[in-house]
Amino acid sequence: MARLEPPFGYRDWVVLALTAFLVWSGIDPADFLTWCLEVFWVAGAVVLWALWLRRVKVTTVLFTLLVVHSVVLIVGGIYTYSEVPIGRMVQEWLELERNHYDRFGHLMQGFAPALLWRELFLRNDIVRRCGWLPVLVVGMCLAFAAAFELLEFAVAMVLGEASWAYLGQQGDIWDAQWDMLWCVVGAIAALLSLAPLQDRQMRAADAKSAPTGA
């Protein structure tokens, strides 16, 4: 007989802790508008988890990366990406021209979603494992990165100077291009390093849920 999953598992506790952190982060952020724009992705994911996603088979590596990515977004929302303390520390230590927490955020924008797209494609038999799979995964990540830059452009056009903290360009006229590049680098790095682990976890999950003989 297949083992029944508990009604409230460890992943639910993790999402609950993430939700608490999200709520706490909105108490006194550096710029409330920036906080709203940065964390609504996380808020949407939490709502989807409660309504639907908790019943979907998701590998541990993907779930972990999505939680880490959510934390990165929330921290950026608290301080604005240009002023995140750990980024400032690295900037001063290495004598860099800018706070590179923003670059790290865009690296994660490719790293975590790459495994999300890959698992979605494989679980739904949209693309086979070889051939076009990595190309389409990286392409989807780049497409989202480009769409995100267009969203930032729209916000800047509508809000003007009020959007500067959200844009976080730090004086770099090539900021949008660098953001998309780091997203692609993150996506490729995720596929090269974690795709085999994701495959093993998907096979293990399928074997665990497969019906047993009499």
Protein backbone atom coordinates (compact mmCIF):
# COMPACT_ATOMS: atom_id res chain seq x y z
CA MET A 1 0.00 0.00 0.00
CA ALA A 2 1.34 3.43 -0.89
CA ARG A 3 2.33 5.56 2.09
CA LEU A 4 0.07 8.57 2.55
CA GLU A 5 1.75 11.94 2.74
CA PRO A 6 1.10 13.90 5.95
CA PRO A 7 -1.42 16.72 5.59
CA PHE A 8 1.24 19.21 6.75
CA GLY A 9 4.77 18.22 5.79
CA TYR A 10 8.19 19.77 6.23
CA ARG A 11 7.87 21.74 3.02
CA ASP A 12 4.76 23.40 4.36
CA TRP A 13 6.74 24.43 7.45
CA VAL A 14 9.44 25.88 5.20
CA VAL A 15 6.86 27.85 3.23
CA LEU A 16 5.26 29.00 6.49
CA ALA A 17 8.65 30.26 7.73
CA LEU A 18 9.22 31.97 4.38
CA THR A 19 5.80 33.63 4.67
CA ALA A 20 6.64 34.89 8.16
CA PHE A 21 9.91 36.34 6.84
CA LEU A 22 8.02 37.95 3.96
CA VAL A 23 5.52 39.59 6.31
CA TRP A 24 8.27 40.75 8.68
CA SER A 25 10.24 42.23 5.77
CA GLY A 26 7.37 44.58 4.97
CA ILE A 27 7.28 46.22 8.40
CA ASP A 28 9.93 48.85 7.70
CA PRO A 29 11.69 48.38 4.34
CA ALA A 30 14.06 51.01 2.98
CA ASP A 31 11.63 51.87 0.19
CA PHE A 32 8.11 50.49 0.40
CA LEU A 33 7.41 50.78 -3.33
CA THR A 34 10.58 48.84 -4.13
CA TRP A 35 9.66 46.23 -1.54
CA CYS A 36 6.23 45.73 -3.15
CA LEU A 37 7.71 45.40 -6.63
CA GLU A 38 10.38 42.94 -5.51
CA VAL A 39 8.40 40.60 -3.28
CA PHE A 40 5.09 40.25 -5.10
CA TRP A 41 6.64 37.28 -6.95
CA VAL A 42 7.20 35.57 -3.60
CA ALA A 43 3.73 36.46 -2.35
CA GLY A 44 2.22 35.00 -5.51
CA ALA A 45 4.22 31.79 -5.13
CA VAL A 46 3.09 31.41 -1.50
CA VAL A 47 -0.56 31.80 -2.53
CA LEU A 48 -0.12 29.24 -5.32
CA TRP A 49 1.53 26.86 -2.86
CA ALA A 50 -1.45 27.06 -0.52
CA LEU A 51 -3.99 26.65 -3.31
CA TRP A 52 -2.30 24.11 -5.59
CA LEU A 53 1.48 23.68 -5.67
CA ARG A 54 1.78 21.71 -2.43
CA ARG A 55 0.03 18.81 -4.19
CA VAL A 56 2.42 18.84 -7.17
CA LYS A 57 5.46 16.56 -7.28
CA VAL A 58 8.54 18.78 -7.04
CA THR A 59 12.11 17.61 -6.54
CA THR A 60 13.92 18.61 -3.38
CA VAL A 61 16.66 20.41 -5.31
CA LEU A 62 14.11 22.55 -7.16
CA PHE A 63 12.09 23.30 -4.02
CA THR A 64 15.27 24.32 -2.16
CA LEU A 65 16.44 26.60 -4.95
CA LEU A 66 13.07 28.31 -5.22
CA VAL A 67 13.09 29.01 -1.47
CA VAL A 68 16.64 30.40 -1.68
CA HIS A 69 15.65 32.54 -4.65
CA SER A 70 12.66 33.84 -2.66
CA VAL A 71 14.94 34.82 0.22
CA VAL A 72 17.23 36.66 -2.22
CA LEU A 73 14.24 38.60 -3.55
CA ILE A 74 12.96 39.45 -0.07
CA VAL A 75 16.37 40.68 1.11
CA GLY A 76 16.63 42.84 -2.00
CA GLY A 77 13.19 44.22 -1.22
CA ILE A 78 14.11 45.08 2.37
CA TYR A 79 17.21 47.15 1.59
CA THR A 80 16.92 47.77 -2.19
CA TYR A 81 19.51 45.87 -4.22
CA SER A 82 21.95 48.77 -4.25
CA GLU A 83 22.13 48.89 -0.46
CA VAL A 84 22.08 45.25 0.70
CA PRO A 85 24.67 45.14 3.53
CA ILE A 86 26.44 41.95 2.48
CA GLY A 87 26.85 43.38 -1.02
CA ARG A 88 28.28 46.58 0.48
CA MET A 89 30.74 44.54 2.53
CA VAL A 90 31.98 42.70 -0.56
CA GLN A 91 32.11 45.97 -2.48
CA GLU A 92 34.35 47.58 0.14
CA TRP A 93 36.45 44.46 0.67
CA LEU A 94 37.20 43.99 -3.04
CA GLU A 95 37.13 47.74 -3.81
CA LEU A 96 34.43 47.32 -6.44
CA GLU A 97 32.62 50.16 -8.17
CA ARG A 98 29.14 48.91 -7.30
CA ASN A 99 27.14 46.70 -4.98
CA HIS A 100 27.01 43.38 -6.84
CA TYR A 101 24.10 41.89 -4.87
CA ASP A 102 22.01 42.98 -7.86
CA ARG A 103 24.17 40.84 -10.15
CA PHE A 104 23.80 37.91 -7.76
CA GLY A 105 20.03 38.39 -7.82
CA HIS A 106 19.99 38.14 -11.61
CA LEU A 107 22.27 35.11 -11.49
CA MET A 108 19.62 33.47 -9.29
CA GLN A 109 16.96 34.66 -11.74
CA GLY A 110 18.44 32.14 -14.15
CA PHE A 111 19.78 29.51 -11.75
CA ALA A 112 16.54 28.57 -9.98
CA PRO A 113 14.08 28.99 -12.88
CA ALA A 114 16.30 26.86 -15.14
CA LEU A 115 15.52 23.79 -13.03
CA LEU A 116 11.88 24.88 -12.79
CA TRP A 117 11.51 25.00 -16.57
CA ARG A 118 13.48 21.78 -16.97
CA GLU A 119 11.28 19.89 -14.52
CA LEU A 120 8.13 21.34 -16.05
CA PHE A 121 9.19 20.29 -19.55
CA LEU A 122 10.15 16.77 -18.47
CA ARG A 123 7.20 16.11 -16.14
CA ASN A 124 4.73 17.08 -18.84
CA ASP A 125 6.60 15.35 -21.69
CA ILE A 126 6.92 18.65 -23.54
CA VAL A 127 10.58 18.16 -24.49
CA ARG A 128 12.81 15.08 -24.37
CA ARG A 129 15.92 14.99 -22.19
CA CYS A 130 18.43 15.37 -25.01
CA GLY A 131 18.64 17.70 -27.97
CA TRP A 132 16.57 20.84 -27.54
CA LEU A 133 15.90 20.62 -23.80
CA PRO A 134 18.85 22.73 -22.55
CA VAL A 135 18.44 25.17 -25.42
CA LEU A 136 14.77 25.76 -24.64
CA VAL A 137 15.40 25.98 -20.90
CA VAL A 138 18.07 28.67 -21.32
CA GLY A 139 15.87 30.39 -23.90
CA MET A 140 12.93 30.54 -21.49
CA CYS A 141 15.15 31.99 -18.76
CA LEU A 142 16.49 34.63 -21.14
CA ALA A 143 12.97 35.42 -22.36
CA PHE A 144 11.82 36.00 -18.78
CA ALA A 145 14.91 38.13 -18.06
CA ALA A 146 14.15 40.27 -21.11
CA ALA A 147 10.48 40.56 -20.08
CA PHE A 148 11.61 41.59 -16.60
CA GLU A 149 13.80 44.34 -18.05
CA LEU A 150 10.81 45.55 -20.08
CA LEU A 151 8.78 45.57 -16.87
CA GLU A 152 11.45 47.71 -15.22
CA PHE A 153 11.34 50.01 -18.25
CA ALA A 154 7.55 50.34 -17.91
CA VAL A 155 7.83 51.07 -14.18
CA ALA A 156 10.47 53.73 -14.88
CA MET A 157 8.28 55.38 -17.53
CA VAL A 158 5.26 55.46 -15.23
CA LEU A 159 6.89 56.35 -11.91
CA GLY A 160 9.90 58.37 -12.99
CA GLU A 161 12.35 59.16 -10.19
CA ALA A 162 10.30 57.15 -7.71
CA SER A 163 11.46 54.01 -9.50
CA TRP A 164 15.21 54.63 -9.21
CA ALA A 165 15.64 52.50 -6.10
CA TYR A 166 13.82 49.66 -7.83
CA LEU A 167 15.93 49.88 -10.99
CA GLY A 168 19.20 49.80 -9.04
CA GLN A 169 21.32 50.78 -12.04
CA GLN A 170 24.00 52.41 -9.89
CA GLY A 171 25.07 54.57 -12.82
CA ASP A 172 25.65 51.70 -15.26
CA ILE A 173 24.12 52.39 -18.67
CA TRP A 174 24.53 48.70 -19.58
CA ASP A 175 22.76 47.45 -16.47
CA ALA A 176 19.91 45.75 -18.38
CA GLN A 177 22.34 43.90 -20.64
CA TRP A 178 24.44 42.74 -17.68
CA ASP A 179 21.28 41.57 -15.90
CA MET A 180 20.26 39.39 -18.83
CA LEU A 181 23.79 38.05 -19.23
CA TRP A 182 23.99 36.98 -15.58
CA CYS A 183 20.60 35.31 -15.89
CA VAL A 184 21.89 33.22 -18.80
CA VAL A 185 25.09 32.41 -16.88
CA GLY A 186 22.99 31.25 -13.92
CA ALA A 187 20.76 29.09 -16.12
CA ILE A 188 23.71 27.38 -17.80
CA ALA A 189 25.46 26.86 -14.46
CA ALA A 190 22.35 25.25 -12.98
CA LEU A 191 21.98 22.84 -15.89
CA LEU A 192 25.65 21.85 -15.82
CA SER A 193 25.81 21.34 -12.06
CA LEU A 194 22.38 20.15 -10.92
CA ALA A 195 20.59 18.50 -13.85
CA PRO A 196 21.94 15.00 -12.96
CA LEU A 197 20.78 15.41 -9.35
CA GLN A 198 17.38 16.58 -10.51
CA ASP A 199 17.09 13.53 -12.78
CA ARG A 200 17.92 11.16 -9.91
CA GLN A 201 15.35 12.80 -7.65
CA MET A 202 12.65 12.62 -10.32
CA ARG A 203 13.38 8.94 -10.93
CA ALA A 204 13.28 8.26 -7.19
CA ALA A 205 9.97 10.09 -6.83
CA ASP A 206 8.45 8.17 -9.76
CA ALA A 207 9.62 4.85 -8.32
CA LYS A 208 8.21 5.74 -4.92
CA SER A 209 4.79 6.63 -6.33
CA ALA A 210 4.61 3.71 -8.75
CA PRO A 211 1.93 1.12 -7.85
CA THR A 212 3.30 -2.08 -6.30
CA GLY A 213 2.28 -5.56 -7.37
CA ALA A 214 -0.02 -7.72 -5.32
